[in-house]
Protein backbone atom coordinates (compact mmCIF):
# COMPACT_ATOMS: atom_id res chain seq x y z
CA MET A 1 -17.27 6.14 -4.09
CA ARG A 2 -20.37 5.49 -1.99
CA ARG A 3 -22.57 6.21 -5.00
CA TRP A 4 -20.71 3.54 -6.98
CA LEU A 5 -21.05 1.08 -4.13
CA ALA A 6 -24.78 1.75 -3.86
CA ALA A 7 -25.18 1.45 -7.62
CA GLY A 8 -23.26 -1.84 -7.55
CA CYS A 9 -25.50 -3.22 -4.81
CA VAL A 10 -28.60 -2.24 -6.77
CA LEU A 11 -27.23 -3.88 -9.93
CA LEU A 12 -26.34 -7.03 -7.97
CA ALA A 13 -29.85 -7.20 -6.51
CA MET A 14 -31.37 -6.70 -9.97
CA ALA A 15 -29.11 -9.35 -11.49
CA LEU A 16 -29.95 -11.87 -8.80
CA ALA A 17 -33.67 -11.12 -9.00
CA THR A 18 -34.05 -11.78 -12.73
CA PRO A 19 -36.69 -14.43 -13.39
CA GLY A 20 -34.43 -16.68 -15.46
CA LEU A 21 -31.79 -16.71 -12.76
CA LEU A 22 -34.28 -17.63 -10.04
CA GLN A 23 -35.10 -20.80 -11.93
CA ALA A 24 -31.45 -21.64 -12.69
CA SER A 25 -29.39 -24.14 -10.73
CA GLN A 26 -27.56 -23.18 -7.60
CA MET A 27 -24.15 -23.44 -9.32
CA THR A 28 -25.33 -21.08 -12.06
CA ARG A 29 -26.48 -18.54 -9.49
CA ILE A 30 -23.14 -18.84 -7.66
CA ARG A 31 -21.27 -18.31 -10.93
CA VAL A 32 -23.35 -15.23 -11.75
CA LEU A 33 -22.67 -13.90 -8.26
CA MET A 34 -18.93 -14.56 -8.71
CA ALA A 35 -18.92 -12.79 -12.08
CA VAL A 36 -20.79 -9.77 -10.70
CA VAL A 37 -18.50 -9.57 -7.66
CA SER A 38 -15.40 -9.83 -9.84
CA LEU A 39 -16.68 -7.05 -12.08
CA GLY A 40 -17.36 -4.99 -8.94
CA VAL A 41 -13.80 -5.57 -7.71
CA PHE A 42 -12.52 -4.59 -11.15
CA VAL A 43 -14.52 -1.35 -11.23
CA ILE A 44 -13.69 -0.41 -7.63
CA THR A 45 -9.99 -1.04 -8.30
CA LEU A 46 -10.06 1.19 -11.37
CA LEU A 47 -11.88 3.91 -9.40
CA THR A 48 -9.35 3.81 -6.57
CA ILE A 49 -6.49 4.03 -9.07
CA ARG A 50 -8.21 6.98 -10.69
CA GLY A 51 -8.67 8.65 -7.31
CA TYR A 52 -4.95 8.15 -6.51
CA LYS A 53 -5.81 6.02 -3.49
CA LEU A 54 -4.21 2.82 -4.84
CA ARG A 55 -0.88 2.58 -6.61
CA GLU A 56 -0.68 0.73 -9.90
CA LYS A 57 1.74 -1.93 -8.69
CA TYR A 58 -0.75 -3.02 -6.01
CA ALA A 59 -3.72 -2.63 -8.33
CA ILE A 60 -2.30 -5.28 -10.65
CA LEU A 61 -2.86 -7.85 -7.90
CA TRP A 62 -6.52 -6.85 -7.51
CA LEU A 63 -7.15 -6.66 -11.24
CA THR A 64 -5.61 -10.11 -11.66
CA THR A 65 -7.78 -11.41 -8.84
CA ALA A 66 -10.90 -9.98 -10.45
CA GLY A 67 -9.89 -11.46 -13.81
CA MET A 68 -9.26 -14.91 -12.34
CA ILE A 69 -12.58 -14.94 -10.50
CA PHE A 70 -14.35 -13.81 -13.66
CA LEU A 71 -12.66 -16.55 -15.73
CA VAL A 72 -13.61 -19.23 -13.21
CA ALA A 73 -17.18 -17.91 -13.05
CA CYS A 74 -17.67 -17.70 -16.81
CA PHE A 75 -15.64 -20.74 -17.82
CA PRO A 76 -16.12 -23.45 -15.18
CA GLU A 77 -14.55 -26.00 -17.51
CA LEU A 78 -11.17 -24.42 -16.68
CA VAL A 79 -11.52 -25.59 -13.09
CA GLU A 80 -12.72 -28.96 -14.36
CA ARG A 81 -9.61 -29.35 -16.56
CA VAL A 82 -7.30 -28.44 -13.70
CA ARG A 83 -9.18 -30.84 -11.46
CA LEU A 84 -8.84 -33.70 -13.94
CA TRP A 85 -5.20 -32.90 -14.64
CA PHE A 86 -4.27 -33.09 -10.96
CA GLY A 87 -6.77 -35.86 -10.19
CA MET A 88 -8.56 -33.93 -7.44
CA GLN A 89 -12.16 -33.44 -6.49
CA TYR A 90 -13.86 -30.15 -7.33
CA VAL A 91 -13.80 -28.71 -3.81
CA THR A 92 -10.19 -29.79 -3.28
CA SER A 93 -9.14 -28.11 -6.52
CA LEU A 94 -10.87 -24.88 -5.48
CA VAL A 95 -9.17 -24.97 -2.09
CA ALA A 96 -5.82 -25.59 -3.83
CA VAL A 97 -6.37 -22.63 -6.16
CA ILE A 98 -7.33 -20.40 -3.24
CA PHE A 99 -4.30 -21.59 -1.28
CA VAL A 100 -1.91 -20.87 -4.16
CA PHE A 101 -3.49 -17.46 -4.61
CA LEU A 102 -3.11 -16.62 -0.92
CA VAL A 103 0.52 -17.74 -0.98
CA LEU A 104 1.16 -15.47 -3.96
CA VAL A 105 -0.60 -12.56 -2.25
CA SER A 106 1.47 -13.15 0.89
CA PHE A 107 4.65 -13.24 -1.19
CA HIS A 108 3.66 -10.02 -2.96
CA PHE A 109 3.01 -8.23 0.33
CA SER A 110 6.23 -9.61 1.82
CA ILE A 111 8.17 -8.05 -1.03
CA ALA A 112 6.36 -4.74 -0.55
CA LEU A 113 6.94 -4.85 3.20
CA SER A 114 10.64 -5.61 2.72
CA ALA A 115 10.98 -2.64 0.40
CA LEU A 116 9.26 -0.41 2.96
CA ASN A 117 11.56 -1.74 5.68
CA ASP A 118 14.61 -0.91 3.55
CA LYS A 119 13.28 2.59 2.93
CA ALA A 120 12.61 3.10 6.64
CA ALA A 121 16.15 1.98 7.51
CA ALA A 122 17.63 4.35 4.92
CA ILE A 123 15.52 7.22 6.24
CA ALA A 124 16.58 6.43 9.82
CA ALA A 125 20.25 6.41 8.76
CA ARG A 126 19.87 9.74 6.97
CA SER A 127 18.06 11.17 9.98
CA ALA A 128 20.89 10.06 12.28
CA ILE A 129 23.46 11.67 9.95
CA HIS A 130 21.47 14.91 9.85
CA ASP A 131 21.08 14.83 13.63
CA ALA A 132 24.85 14.40 14.08
CA ARG A 133 25.49 17.30 11.68
CA LEU A 134 22.98 19.45 13.56
CA HIS A 135 24.68 18.74 16.90
CA GLU A 136 28.10 19.50 15.38
CA LEU A 137 26.84 22.81 13.99
CA ALA A 138 25.25 23.69 17.35
CA ARG A 139 28.57 22.94 19.08
CA ARG A 140 30.44 25.12 16.56
CA ILE A 141 27.96 27.98 17.03
CA GLU A 142 28.35 27.76 20.81
CA ALA A 143 32.16 27.79 20.43
CA LEU A 144 31.99 30.80 18.09
CA GLU A 145 29.61 32.63 20.45
CA ALA A 146 31.91 31.91 23.38
CA ALA A 147 34.93 33.14 21.40
CA ALA A 148 33.03 36.24 20.31
CA GLY A 149 32.02 36.86 23.93
CA GLN A 150 35.63 36.54 25.08
CA ASP A 151 36.81 38.90 22.31
CA ALA A 152 34.16 41.44 23.31
CA ALA A 153 35.09 41.12 26.97
CA SER A 154 38.82 41.54 26.21
CA ARG A 155 38.12 44.56 23.99
CA GLN A 156 35.95 46.08 26.68
CA ALA A 157 38.59 45.38 29.31
CA SER A 158 41.30 46.91 27.15
CA SER A 159 39.14 49.97 26.38
CA THR A 160 38.36 50.48 30.10
CA SER A 161 41.98 50.02 31.05
CA GLY A 162 42.97 52.48 28.31
CA THR A 163 40.51 55.06 29.63
CA ALA A 164 41.65 54.50 33.20
CA SER A 165 45.32 54.99 32.29
CA ARG A 166 44.53 58.21 30.43
CA GLY A 167 42.61 59.72 33.30
């Protein structure tokens, strides 16, 4: 993973140091940076899925994020159309898109957290049931041991009284 990160940093430095990009406008350089970062997020997400460190249902969120950033970086006219459609300024439209994205991410994690809470409650209930069964079995074993001890004591008493009466 560290090798991929180092390779990504080297590629980013090479991409940003190309002569044509140094002479490009600031917005073009920002878009290239956004595209490279989104591709990095995409590759890192795929690597973590492959390494079984990230589940697919959570990876969809990151892959979608990378795809959206890449689309905005490569096709800035999409943001311009949204801006004109809503009648907002460029910065305001970007803030609105980021806000909607963060709300969706929060909603996604709320659903995941709720599911984990439900699983934890079910596990706690099963644990309580198993604990009650364990205590019941321990009580039964103690009762059986006590009964077996009394039977042994009564047999021993009857065998000693039988030997004493014979003698």
